[in-house]
Amino acid sequence: MTMVHAIQNGLPLSPADGQLQMIASQVKFHASYLAVLPFSFGFLQFGRLGKAIAGVLWCYIPFGVLISVTPVEQAKALVLGRTIFFVFAFILSAVLFFLQTTTSGQRTQ
């Protein structure tokens, strides 16, 4: 946001700002790769759909690592793939939790 503010106000950007932004972004993504692994194990208890979600989340990790070692010009498709895996996992999670609430709601009636 600081860089956007500087651009909007016509302020010069220093190379250090760009480097800091790149480092912060890499730390953020690598933290998400580490966090998604234990997070995915929680889905294993929810049957086949939970296992499918865990599998999708596990695929997110190699895509992320591959993006980190691939040259920027060639990583565009991998970045799109990583995004698709993550969005697909969220959609499947929503379906899973919706099914969980409807089946638990039927049991209480």
PDB file of N, CA and C in Angstrom:
ATOM      1  N   MET A   1       0.826  -1.186   0.000  1.00  0.00           N
ATOM      2  CA  MET A   1       0.000   0.000   0.000  1.00  0.00           C
ATOM      3  C   MET A   1       0.872   1.252   0.000  1.00  0.00           C
ATOM      4  N   THR A   2       2.014   1.178   0.623  1.00  0.00           N
ATOM      5  CA  THR A   2       2.913   2.326   0.646  1.00  0.00           C
ATOM      6  C   THR A   2       3.392   2.656  -0.756  1.00  0.00           C
ATOM      7  N   MET A   3       3.692   1.615  -1.533  1.00  0.00           N
ATOM      8  CA  MET A   3       4.158   1.847  -2.898  1.00  0.00           C
ATOM      9  C   MET A   3       3.042   2.446  -3.761  1.00  0.00           C
ATOM     10  N   VAL A   4       1.829   1.984  -3.600  1.00  0.00           N
ATOM     11  CA  VAL A   4       0.695   2.535  -4.357  1.00  0.00           C
ATOM     12  C   VAL A   4       0.487   3.998  -3.985  1.00  0.00           C
ATOM     13  N   HIS A   5       0.575   4.292  -2.689  1.00  0.00           N
ATOM     14  CA  HIS A   5       0.426   5.669  -2.236  1.00  0.00           C
ATOM     15  C   HIS A   5       1.507   6.557  -2.848  1.00  0.00           C
ATOM     16  N   ALA A   6       2.732   6.059  -2.879  1.00  0.00           N
ATOM     17  CA  ALA A   6       3.836   6.835  -3.459  1.00  0.00           C
ATOM     18  C   ALA A   6       3.609   7.086  -4.945  1.00  0.00           C
ATOM     19  N   ILE A   7       3.157   6.076  -5.677  1.00  0.00           N
ATOM     20  CA  ILE A   7       2.902   6.230  -7.112  1.00  0.00           C
ATOM     21  C   ILE A   7       1.782   7.237  -7.359  1.00  0.00           C
ATOM     22  N   GLN A   8       0.708   7.136  -6.558  1.00  0.00           N
ATOM     23  CA  GLN A   8      -0.423   8.052  -6.740  1.00  0.00           C
ATOM     24  C   GLN A   8      -0.036   9.508  -6.487  1.00  0.00           C
ATOM     25  N   ASN A   9       0.886   9.705  -5.577  1.00  0.00           N
ATOM     26  CA  ASN A   9       1.289  11.068  -5.230  1.00  0.00           C
ATOM     27  C   ASN A   9       2.521  11.535  -5.997  1.00  0.00           C
ATOM     28  N   GLY A  10       2.971  10.741  -6.962  1.00  0.00           N
ATOM     29  CA  GLY A  10       4.102  11.125  -7.787  1.00  0.00           C
ATOM     30  C   GLY A  10       5.437  11.098  -7.056  1.00  0.00           C
ATOM     31  N   LEU A  11       5.508  10.363  -5.970  1.00  0.00           N
ATOM     32  CA  LEU A  11       6.751  10.269  -5.216  1.00  0.00           C
ATOM     33  C   LEU A  11       7.649   9.209  -5.843  1.00  0.00           C
ATOM     34  N   PRO A  12       8.946   9.391  -5.761  1.00  0.00           N
ATOM     35  CA  PRO A  12       9.842   8.385  -6.354  1.00  0.00           C
ATOM     36  C   PRO A  12       9.883   7.112  -5.511  1.00  0.00           C
ATOM     37  N   LEU A  13      10.046   5.993  -6.192  1.00  0.00           N
ATOM     38  CA  LEU A  13      10.183   4.706  -5.514  1.00  0.00           C
ATOM     39  C   LEU A  13      11.658   4.328  -5.494  1.00  0.00           C
ATOM     40  N   SER A  14      12.099   3.896  -4.357  1.00  0.00           N
ATOM     41  CA  SER A  14      13.502   3.482  -4.265  1.00  0.00           C
ATOM     42  C   SER A  14      13.606   1.984  -4.565  1.00  0.00           C
ATOM     43  N   PRO A  15      14.740   1.534  -5.054  1.00  0.00           N
ATOM     44  CA  PRO A  15      14.929   0.102  -5.280  1.00  0.00           C
ATOM     45  C   PRO A  15      14.782  -0.717  -3.992  1.00  0.00           C
ATOM     46  N   ALA A  16      15.129  -0.106  -2.878  1.00  0.00           N
ATOM     47  CA  ALA A  16      14.999  -0.815  -1.594  1.00  0.00           C
ATOM     48  C   ALA A  16      13.539  -1.111  -1.286  1.00  0.00           C
ATOM     49  N   ASP A  17      12.631  -0.197  -1.655  1.00  0.00           N
ATOM     50  CA  ASP A  17      11.200  -0.438  -1.434  1.00  0.00           C
ATOM     51  C   ASP A  17      10.721  -1.642  -2.231  1.00  0.00           C
ATOM     52  N   GLY A  18      11.151  -1.722  -3.481  1.00  0.00           N
ATOM     53  CA  GLY A  18      10.777  -2.865  -4.323  1.00  0.00           C
ATOM     54  C   GLY A  18      11.342  -4.167  -3.804  1.00  0.00           C
ATOM     55  N   GLN A  19      12.592  -4.136  -3.350  1.00  0.00           N
ATOM     56  CA  GLN A  19      13.210  -5.341  -2.802  1.00  0.00           C
ATOM     57  C   GLN A  19      12.516  -5.778  -1.516  1.00  0.00           C
ATOM     58  N   LEU A  20      12.188  -4.817  -0.668  1.00  0.00           N
ATOM     59  CA  LEU A  20      11.485  -5.152   0.575  1.00  0.00           C
ATOM     60  C   LEU A  20      10.121  -5.758   0.269  1.00  0.00           C
ATOM     61  N   GLN A  21       9.435  -5.210  -0.721  1.00  0.00           N
ATOM     62  CA  GLN A  21       8.127  -5.743  -1.125  1.00  0.00           C
ATOM     63  C   GLN A  21       8.260  -7.176  -1.627  1.00  0.00           C
ATOM     64  N   MET A  22       9.276  -7.457  -2.417  1.00  0.00           N
ATOM     65  CA  MET A  22       9.485  -8.810  -2.933  1.00  0.00           C
ATOM     66  C   MET A  22       9.787  -9.787  -1.794  1.00  0.00           C
ATOM     67  N   ILE A  23      10.610  -9.381  -0.853  1.00  0.00           N
ATOM     68  CA  ILE A  23      10.947 -10.249   0.277  1.00  0.00           C
ATOM     69  C   ILE A  23       9.713 -10.521   1.127  1.00  0.00           C
ATOM     70  N   ALA A  24       8.946  -9.476   1.411  1.00  0.00           N
ATOM     71  CA  ALA A  24       7.727  -9.655   2.211  1.00  0.00           C
ATOM     72  C   ALA A  24       6.740 -10.585   1.509  1.00  0.00           C
ATOM     73  N   SER A  25       6.620 -10.453   0.202  1.00  0.00           N
ATOM     74  CA  SER A  25       5.715 -11.313  -0.553  1.00  0.00           C
ATOM     75  C   SER A  25       6.168 -12.769  -0.515  1.00  0.00           C
ATOM     76  N   GLN A  26       7.464 -13.000  -0.671  1.00  0.00           N
ATOM     77  CA  GLN A  26       7.985 -14.369  -0.617  1.00  0.00           C
ATOM     78  C   GLN A  26       7.796 -14.990   0.769  1.00  0.00           C
ATOM     79  N   VAL A  27       8.025 -14.213   1.816  1.00  0.00           N
ATOM     80  CA  VAL A  27       7.816 -14.718   3.177  1.00  0.00           C
ATOM     81  C   VAL A  27       6.351 -15.078   3.374  1.00  0.00           C
ATOM     82  N   LYS A  28       5.469 -14.227   2.888  1.00  0.00           N
ATOM     83  CA  LYS A  28       4.030 -14.481   3.014  1.00  0.00           C
ATOM     84  C   LYS A  28       3.634 -15.782   2.316  1.00  0.00           C
ATOM     85  N   PHE A  29       4.100 -15.966   1.083  1.00  0.00           N
ATOM     86  CA  PHE A  29       3.725 -17.176   0.352  1.00  0.00           C
ATOM     87  C   PHE A  29       4.342 -18.429   0.974  1.00  0.00           C
ATOM     88  N   HIS A  30       5.586 -18.361   1.396  1.00  0.00           N
ATOM     89  CA  HIS A  30       6.199 -19.536   2.007  1.00  0.00           C
ATOM     90  C   HIS A  30       5.537 -19.878   3.340  1.00  0.00           C
ATOM     91  N   ALA A  31       5.112 -18.878   4.081  1.00  0.00           N
ATOM     92  CA  ALA A  31       4.364 -19.152   5.314  1.00  0.00           C
ATOM     93  C   ALA A  31       3.043 -19.842   4.996  1.00  0.00           C
ATOM     94  N   SER A  32       2.396 -19.442   3.900  1.00  0.00           N
ATOM     95  CA  SER A  32       1.135 -20.098   3.543  1.00  0.00           C
ATOM     96  C   SER A  32       1.371 -21.541   3.107  1.00  0.00           C
ATOM     97  N   TYR A  33       2.511 -21.822   2.450  1.00  0.00           N
ATOM     98  CA  TYR A  33       2.807 -23.205   2.060  1.00  0.00           C
ATOM     99  C   TYR A  33       3.008 -24.072   3.299  1.00  0.00           C
ATOM    100  N   LEU A  34       3.688 -23.520   4.294  1.00  0.00           N
ATOM    101  CA  LEU A  34       3.903 -24.277   5.534  1.00  0.00           C
ATOM    102  C   LEU A  34       2.602 -24.454   6.309  1.00  0.00           C
ATOM    103  N   ALA A  35       1.756 -23.438   6.308  1.00  0.00           N
ATOM    104  CA  ALA A  35       0.517 -23.500   7.084  1.00  0.00           C
ATOM    105  C   ALA A  35      -0.527 -24.406   6.456  1.00  0.00           C
ATOM    106  N   VAL A  36      -0.539 -24.516   5.134  1.00  0.00           N
ATOM    107  CA  VAL A  36      -1.583 -25.297   4.483  1.00  0.00           C
ATOM    108  C   VAL A  36      -1.408 -26.799   4.729  1.00  0.00           C
ATOM    109  N   LEU A  37      -0.198 -27.243   4.984  1.00  0.00           N
ATOM    110  CA  LEU A  37       0.021 -28.673   5.201  1.00  0.00           C
ATOM    111  C   LEU A  37      -0.687 -29.173   6.463  1.00  0.00           C
ATOM    112  N   PRO A  38      -0.429 -28.614   7.655  1.00  0.00           N
ATOM    113  CA  PRO A  38      -1.177 -29.110   8.826  1.00  0.00           C
ATOM    114  C   PRO A  38      -2.668 -28.791   8.742  1.00  0.00           C
ATOM    115  N   PHE A  39      -3.015 -27.673   8.100  1.00  0.00           N
ATOM    116  CA  PHE A  39      -4.417 -27.313   7.921  1.00  0.00           C
ATOM    117  C   PHE A  39      -5.153 -28.381   7.123  1.00  0.00           C
ATOM    118  N   SER A  40      -4.493 -28.925   6.109  1.00  0.00           N
ATOM    119  CA  SER A  40      -5.137 -29.907   5.233  1.00  0.00           C
ATOM    120  C   SER A  40      -5.427 -31.225   5.954  1.00  0.00           C
ATOM    121  N   PHE A  41      -4.635 -31.559   6.946  1.00  0.00           N
ATOM    122  CA  PHE A  41      -4.869 -32.817   7.664  1.00  0.00           C
ATOM    123  C   PHE A  41      -6.212 -32.813   8.402  1.00  0.00           C
ATOM    124  N   GLY A  42      -6.709 -31.649   8.759  1.00  0.00           N
ATOM    125  CA  GLY A  42      -8.013 -31.572   9.416  1.00  0.00           C
ATOM    126  C   GLY A  42      -9.151 -32.022   8.526  1.00  0.00           C
ATOM    127  N   PHE A  43      -8.979 -31.936   7.222  1.00  0.00           N
ATOM    128  CA  PHE A  43     -10.045 -32.336   6.300  1.00  0.00           C
ATOM    129  C   PHE A  43     -10.141 -33.849   6.119  1.00  0.00           C
ATOM    130  N   LEU A  44      -9.117 -34.568   6.489  1.00  0.00           N
ATOM    131  CA  LEU A  44      -9.115 -36.020   6.267  1.00  0.00           C
ATOM    132  C   LEU A  44     -10.233 -36.728   7.019  1.00  0.00           C
ATOM    133  N   GLN A  45     -10.709 -36.156   8.092  1.00  0.00           N
ATOM    134  CA  GLN A  45     -11.759 -36.791   8.893  1.00  0.00           C
ATOM    135  C   GLN A  45     -13.149 -36.682   8.275  1.00  0.00           C
ATOM    136  N   PHE A  46     -13.280 -35.944   7.179  1.00  0.00           N
ATOM    137  CA  PHE A  46     -14.593 -35.698   6.579  1.00  0.00           C
ATOM    138  C   PHE A  46     -14.886 -36.560   5.358  1.00  0.00           C
ATOM    139  N   GLY A  47     -14.391 -37.759   5.320  1.00  0.00           N
ATOM    140  CA  GLY A  47     -14.725 -38.686   4.253  1.00  0.00           C
ATOM    141  C   GLY A  47     -14.056 -38.371   2.931  1.00  0.00           C
ATOM    142  N   ARG A  48     -14.707 -38.823   1.850  1.00  0.00           N
ATOM    143  CA  ARG A  48     -14.107 -38.667   0.515  1.00  0.00           C
ATOM    144  C   ARG A  48     -13.939 -37.211   0.106  1.00  0.00           C
ATOM    145  N   LEU A  49     -14.940 -36.403   0.387  1.00  0.00           N
ATOM    146  CA  LEU A  49     -14.836 -34.991   0.016  1.00  0.00           C
ATOM    147  C   LEU A  49     -13.717 -34.309   0.803  1.00  0.00           C
ATOM    148  N   GLY A  50     -13.593 -34.639   2.063  1.00  0.00           N
ATOM    149  CA  GLY A  50     -12.508 -34.088   2.873  1.00  0.00           C
ATOM    150  C   GLY A  50     -11.146 -34.517   2.355  1.00  0.00           C
ATOM    151  N   LYS A  51     -11.042 -35.767   1.925  1.00  0.00           N
ATOM    152  CA  LYS A  51      -9.775 -36.245   1.358  1.00  0.00           C
ATOM    153  C   LYS A  51      -9.471 -35.552   0.032  1.00  0.00           C
ATOM    154  N   ALA A  52     -10.510 -35.275  -0.747  1.00  0.00           N
ATOM    155  CA  ALA A  52     -10.298 -34.549  -2.001  1.00  0.00           C
ATOM    156  C   ALA A  52      -9.804 -33.133  -1.723  1.00  0.00           C
ATOM    157  N   ILE A  53     -10.369 -32.486  -0.712  1.00  0.00           N
ATOM    158  CA  ILE A  53      -9.924 -31.139  -0.344  1.00  0.00           C
ATOM    159  C   ILE A  53      -8.477 -31.179   0.126  1.00  0.00           C
ATOM    160  N   ALA A  54      -8.141 -32.161   0.950  1.00  0.00           N
ATOM    161  CA  ALA A  54      -6.750 -32.295   1.413  1.00  0.00           C
ATOM    162  C   ALA A  54      -5.815 -32.492   0.223  1.00  0.00           C
ATOM    163  N   GLY A  55      -6.229 -33.297  -0.743  1.00  0.00           N
ATOM    164  CA  GLY A  55      -5.406 -33.513  -1.940  1.00  0.00           C
ATOM    165  C   GLY A  55      -5.199 -32.237  -2.739  1.00  0.00           C
ATOM    166  N   VAL A  56      -6.258 -31.455  -2.866  1.00  0.00           N
ATOM    167  CA  VAL A  56      -6.138 -30.183  -3.587  1.00  0.00           C
ATOM    168  C   VAL A  56      -5.187 -29.255  -2.844  1.00  0.00           C
ATOM    169  N   LEU A  57      -5.305 -29.206  -1.527  1.00  0.00           N
ATOM    170  CA  LEU A  57      -4.407 -28.348  -0.745  1.00  0.00           C
ATOM    171  C   LEU A  57      -2.966 -28.843  -0.817  1.00  0.00           C
ATOM    172  N   TRP A  58      -2.769 -30.150  -0.857  1.00  0.00           N
ATOM    173  CA  TRP A  58      -1.407 -30.675  -0.979  1.00  0.00           C
ATOM    174  C   TRP A  58      -0.808 -30.299  -2.342  1.00  0.00           C
ATOM    175  N   CYS A  59      -1.636 -30.225  -3.378  1.00  0.00           N
ATOM    176  CA  CYS A  59      -1.137 -29.812  -4.696  1.00  0.00           C
ATOM    177  C   CYS A  59      -0.722 -28.342  -4.709  1.00  0.00           C
ATOM    178  N   TYR A  60      -1.308 -27.562  -3.823  1.00  0.00           N
ATOM    179  CA  TYR A  60      -0.950 -26.145  -3.713  1.00  0.00           C
ATOM    180  C   TYR A  60       0.517 -25.980  -3.325  1.00  0.00           C
ATOM    181  N   ILE A  61       1.031 -26.868  -2.501  1.00  0.00           N
ATOM    182  CA  ILE A  61       2.406 -26.741  -1.992  1.00  0.00           C
ATOM    183  C   ILE A  61       3.438 -26.905  -3.105  1.00  0.00           C
ATOM    184  N   PRO A  62       3.420 -27.993  -3.890  1.00  0.00           N
ATOM    185  CA  PRO A  62       4.431 -28.096  -4.947  1.00  0.00           C
ATOM    186  C   PRO A  62       4.321 -26.989  -5.999  1.00  0.00           C
ATOM    187  N   PHE A  63       3.096 -26.548  -6.296  1.00  0.00           N
ATOM    188  CA  PHE A  63       2.953 -25.438  -7.236  1.00  0.00           C
ATOM    189  C   PHE A  63       3.656 -24.208  -6.693  1.00  0.00           C
ATOM    190  N   GLY A  64       3.497 -23.944  -5.416  1.00  0.00           N
ATOM    191  CA  GLY A  64       4.137 -22.783  -4.815  1.00  0.00           C
ATOM    192  C   GLY A  64       5.645 -22.875  -4.823  1.00  0.00           C
ATOM    193  N   VAL A  65       6.163 -24.033  -4.486  1.00  0.00           N
ATOM    194  CA  VAL A  65       7.614 -24.212  -4.478  1.00  0.00           C
ATOM    195  C   VAL A  65       8.158 -24.112  -5.900  1.00  0.00           C
ATOM    196  N   LEU A  66       7.449 -24.684  -6.846  1.00  0.00           N
ATOM    197  CA  LEU A  66       7.866 -24.624  -8.241  1.00  0.00           C
ATOM    198  C   LEU A  66       7.878 -23.176  -8.753  1.00  0.00           C
ATOM    199  N   ILE A  67       6.910 -22.395  -8.327  1.00  0.00           N
ATOM    200  CA  ILE A  67       6.867 -20.988  -8.721  1.00  0.00           C
ATOM    201  C   ILE A  67       8.098 -20.254  -8.201  1.00  0.00           C
ATOM    202  N   SER A  68       8.544 -20.613  -7.009  1.00  0.00           N
ATOM    203  CA  SER A  68       9.685 -19.928  -6.400  1.00  0.00           C
ATOM    204  C   SER A  68      10.991 -20.189  -7.148  1.00  0.00           C
ATOM    205  N   VAL A  69      11.092 -21.320  -7.822  1.00  0.00           N
ATOM    206  CA  VAL A  69      12.346 -21.659  -8.502  1.00  0.00           C
ATOM    207  C   VAL A  69      12.274 -21.483 -10.017  1.00  0.00           C
ATOM    208  N   THR A  70      11.103 -21.146 -10.525  1.00  0.00           N
ATOM    209  CA  THR A  70      10.921 -20.951 -11.967  1.00  0.00           C
ATOM    210  C   THR A  70      11.161 -19.482 -12.312  1.00  0.00           C
ATOM    211  N   PRO A  71      11.816 -19.213 -13.434  1.00  0.00           N
ATOM    212  CA  PRO A  71      11.975 -17.811 -13.849  1.00  0.00           C
ATOM    213  C   PRO A  71      10.622 -17.120 -14.000  1.00  0.00           C
ATOM    214  N   VAL A  72      10.598 -15.846 -13.679  1.00  0.00           N
ATOM    215  CA  VAL A  72       9.350 -15.078 -13.644  1.00  0.00           C
ATOM    216  C   VAL A  72       8.596 -15.155 -14.968  1.00  0.00           C
ATOM    217  N   GLU A  73       9.308 -15.093 -16.074  1.00  0.00           N
ATOM    218  CA  GLU A  73       8.647 -15.103 -17.384  1.00  0.00           C
ATOM    219  C   GLU A  73       7.901 -16.408 -17.640  1.00  0.00           C
ATOM    220  N   GLN A  74       8.367 -17.499 -17.065  1.00  0.00           N
ATOM    221  CA  GLN A  74       7.770 -18.813 -17.310  1.00  0.00           C
ATOM    222  C   GLN A  74       6.799 -19.233 -16.216  1.00  0.00           C
ATOM    223  N   ALA A  75       6.665 -18.458 -15.170  1.00  0.00           N
ATOM    224  CA  ALA A  75       5.867 -18.873 -14.011  1.00  0.00           C
ATOM    225  C   ALA A  75       4.408 -18.435 -14.082  1.00  0.00           C
ATOM    226  N   LYS A  76       4.015 -17.745 -15.136  1.00  0.00           N
ATOM    227  CA  LYS A  76       2.647 -17.216 -15.206  1.00  0.00           C
ATOM    228  C   LYS A  76       1.595 -18.325 -15.122  1.00  0.00           C
ATOM    229  N   ALA A  77       1.795 -19.407 -15.857  1.00  0.00           N
ATOM    230  CA  ALA A  77       0.831 -20.509 -15.824  1.00  0.00           C
ATOM    231  C   ALA A  77       0.812 -21.170 -14.448  1.00  0.00           C
ATOM    232  N   LEU A  78       1.973 -21.271 -13.814  1.00  0.00           N
ATOM    233  CA  LEU A  78       2.030 -21.866 -12.479  1.00  0.00           C
ATOM    234  C   LEU A  78       1.314 -20.998 -11.449  1.00  0.00           C
ATOM    235  N   VAL A  79       1.453 -19.685 -11.583  1.00  0.00           N
ATOM    236  CA  VAL A  79       0.761 -18.781 -10.668  1.00  0.00           C
ATOM    237  C   VAL A  79      -0.747 -18.940 -10.827  1.00  0.00           C
ATOM    238  N   LEU A  80      -1.201 -19.042 -12.054  1.00  0.00           N
ATOM    239  CA  LEU A  80      -2.623 -19.262 -12.299  1.00  0.00           C
ATOM    240  C   LEU A  80      -3.060 -20.610 -11.730  1.00  0.00           C
ATOM    241  N   GLY A  81      -2.249 -21.647 -11.912  1.00  0.00           N
ATOM    242  CA  GLY A  81      -2.568 -22.964 -11.356  1.00  0.00           C
ATOM    243  C   GLY A  81      -2.653 -22.945  -9.844  1.00  0.00           C
ATOM    244  N   ARG A  82      -1.730 -22.247  -9.197  1.00  0.00           N
ATOM    245  CA  ARG A  82      -1.751 -22.141  -7.729  1.00  0.00           C
ATOM    246  C   ARG A  82      -3.037 -21.460  -7.275  1.00  0.00           C
ATOM    247  N   THR A  83      -3.425 -20.416  -7.969  1.00  0.00           N
ATOM    248  CA  THR A  83      -4.647 -19.702  -7.613  1.00  0.00           C
ATOM    249  C   THR A  83      -5.870 -20.580  -7.804  1.00  0.00           C
ATOM    250  N   ILE A  84      -5.891 -21.324  -8.904  1.00  0.00           N
ATOM    251  CA  ILE A  84      -7.022 -22.220  -9.165  1.00  0.00           C
ATOM    252  C   ILE A  84      -7.127 -23.291  -8.088  1.00  0.00           C
ATOM    253  N   PHE A  85      -6.001 -23.890  -7.704  1.00  0.00           N
ATOM    254  CA  PHE A  85      -6.029 -24.901  -6.644  1.00  0.00           C
ATOM    255  C   PHE A  85      -6.586 -24.321  -5.354  1.00  0.00           C
ATOM    256  N   PHE A  86      -6.141 -23.128  -4.995  1.00  0.00           N
ATOM    257  CA  PHE A  86      -6.568 -22.541  -3.727  1.00  0.00           C
ATOM    258  C   PHE A  86      -8.052 -22.179  -3.761  1.00  0.00           C
ATOM    259  N   VAL A  87      -8.516 -21.583  -4.863  1.00  0.00           N
ATOM    260  CA  VAL A  87      -9.931 -21.236  -4.982  1.00  0.00           C
ATOM    261  C   VAL A  87     -10.787 -22.498  -5.007  1.00  0.00           C
ATOM    262  N   PHE A  88     -10.335 -23.530  -5.711  1.00  0.00           N
ATOM    263  CA  PHE A  88     -11.063 -24.792  -5.768  1.00  0.00           C
ATOM    264  C   PHE A  88     -11.176 -25.412  -4.375  1.00  0.00           C
ATOM    265  N   ALA A  89     -10.112 -25.322  -3.576  1.00  0.00           N
ATOM    266  CA  ALA A  89     -10.157 -25.840  -2.210  1.00  0.00           C
ATOM    267  C   ALA A  89     -11.178 -25.076  -1.369  1.00  0.00           C
ATOM    268  N   PHE A  90     -11.255 -23.765  -1.547  1.00  0.00           N
ATOM    269  CA  PHE A  90     -12.245 -22.986  -0.814  1.00  0.00           C
ATOM    270  C   PHE A  90     -13.664 -23.357  -1.229  1.00  0.00           C
ATOM    271  N   ILE A  91     -13.883 -23.550  -2.526  1.00  0.00           N
ATOM    272  CA  ILE A  91     -15.212 -23.925  -2.998  1.00  0.00           C
ATOM    273  C   ILE A  91     -15.604 -25.300  -2.451  1.00  0.00           C
ATOM    274  N   LEU A  92     -14.677 -26.253  -2.531  1.00  0.00           N
ATOM    275  CA  LEU A  92     -14.962 -27.583  -1.987  1.00  0.00           C
ATOM    276  C   LEU A  92     -15.205 -27.528  -0.484  1.00  0.00           C
ATOM    277  N   SER A  93     -14.473 -26.677   0.219  1.00  0.00           N
ATOM    278  CA  SER A  93     -14.680 -26.522   1.660  1.00  0.00           C
ATOM    279  C   SER A  93     -16.074 -25.981   1.947  1.00  0.00           C
ATOM    280  N   ALA A  94     -16.512 -25.023   1.148  1.00  0.00           N
ATOM    281  CA  ALA A  94     -17.860 -24.477   1.336  1.00  0.00           C
ATOM    282  C   ALA A  94     -18.912 -25.558   1.110  1.00  0.00           C
ATOM    283  N   VAL A  95     -18.718 -26.376   0.085  1.00  0.00           N
ATOM    284  CA  VAL A  95     -19.647 -27.482  -0.176  1.00  0.00           C
ATOM    285  C   VAL A  95     -19.637 -28.461   0.989  1.00  0.00           C
ATOM    286  N   LEU A  96     -18.462 -28.807   1.458  1.00  0.00           N
ATOM    287  CA  LEU A  96     -18.336 -29.755   2.570  1.00  0.00           C
ATOM    288  C   LEU A  96     -19.043 -29.233   3.811  1.00  0.00           C
ATOM    289  N   PHE A  97     -18.788 -27.989   4.188  1.00  0.00           N
ATOM    290  CA  PHE A  97     -19.398 -27.446   5.394  1.00  0.00           C
ATOM    291  C   PHE A  97     -20.890 -27.239   5.232  1.00  0.00           C
ATOM    292  N   PHE A  98     -21.351 -26.925   4.022  1.00  0.00           N
ATOM    293  CA  PHE A  98     -22.785 -26.839   3.781  1.00  0.00           C
ATOM    294  C   PHE A  98     -23.433 -28.208   3.960  1.00  0.00           C
ATOM    295  N   LEU A  99     -22.790 -29.244   3.409  1.00  0.00           N
ATOM    296  CA  LEU A  99     -23.330 -30.597   3.569  1.00  0.00           C
ATOM    297  C   LEU A  99     -23.308 -31.031   5.035  1.00  0.00           C
ATOM    298  N   GLN A 100     -22.263 -30.638   5.756  1.00  0.00           N
ATOM    299  CA  GLN A 100     -22.173 -30.979   7.177  1.00  0.00           C
ATOM    300  C   GLN A 100     -23.304 -30.322   7.962  1.00  0.00           C
ATOM    301  N   THR A 101     -23.616 -29.075   7.656  1.00  0.00           N
ATOM    302  CA  THR A 101     -24.676 -28.389   8.392  1.00  0.00           C
ATOM    303  C   THR A 101     -26.057 -28.922   8.031  1.00  0.00           C
ATOM    304  N   THR A 102     -26.253 -29.303   6.768  1.00  0.00           N
ATOM    305  CA  THR A 102     -27.558 -29.839   6.396  1.00  0.00           C
ATOM    306  C   THR A 102     -27.773 -31.217   6.974  1.00  0.00           C
ATOM    307  N   THR A 103     -26.747 -32.044   7.012  1.00  0.00           N
ATOM    308  CA  THR A 103     -26.923 -33.382   7.596  1.00  0.00           C
ATOM    309  C   THR A 103     -27.048 -33.302   9.112  1.00  0.00           C
ATOM    310  N   SER A 104     -26.349 -32.399   9.756  1.00  0.00           N
ATOM    311  CA  SER A 104     -26.496 -32.277  11.215  1.00  0.00           C
ATOM    312  C   SER A 104     -27.838 -31.650  11.561  1.00  0.00           C
ATOM    313  N   GLY A 105     -28.346 -30.768  10.690  1.00  0.00           N
ATOM    314  CA  GLY A 105     -29.667 -30.177  10.897  1.00  0.00           C
ATOM    315  C   GLY A 105     -30.780 -31.207  10.744  1.00  0.00           C
ATOM    316  N   GLN A 106     -30.604 -32.175   9.849  1.00  0.00           N
ATOM    317  CA  GLN A 106     -31.604 -33.232   9.662  1.00  0.00           C
ATOM    318  C   GLN A 106     -31.605 -34.184  10.859  1.00  0.00           C
ATOM    319  N   ARG A 107     -30.433 -34.399  11.457  1.00  0.00           N
ATOM    320  CA  ARG A 107     -30.339 -35.308  12.608  1.00  0.00           C
ATOM    321  C   ARG A 107     -31.024 -34.723  13.828  1.00  0.00           C
ATOM    322  N   THR A 108     -31.017 -33.388  13.987  1.00  0.00           N
ATOM    323  CA  THR A 108     -31.613 -32.792  15.176  1.00  0.00           C
ATOM    324  C   THR A 108     -33.124 -32.667  15.068  1.00  0.00           C
ATOM    325  N   GLN A 109     -33.668 -32.779  13.866  1.00  0.00           N
ATOM    326  CA  GLN A 109     -35.121 -32.634  13.702  1.00  0.00           C
ATOM    327  C   GLN A 109     -35.837 -33.909  13.971  1.00  0.00           C
TER     328      GLN A 109
END
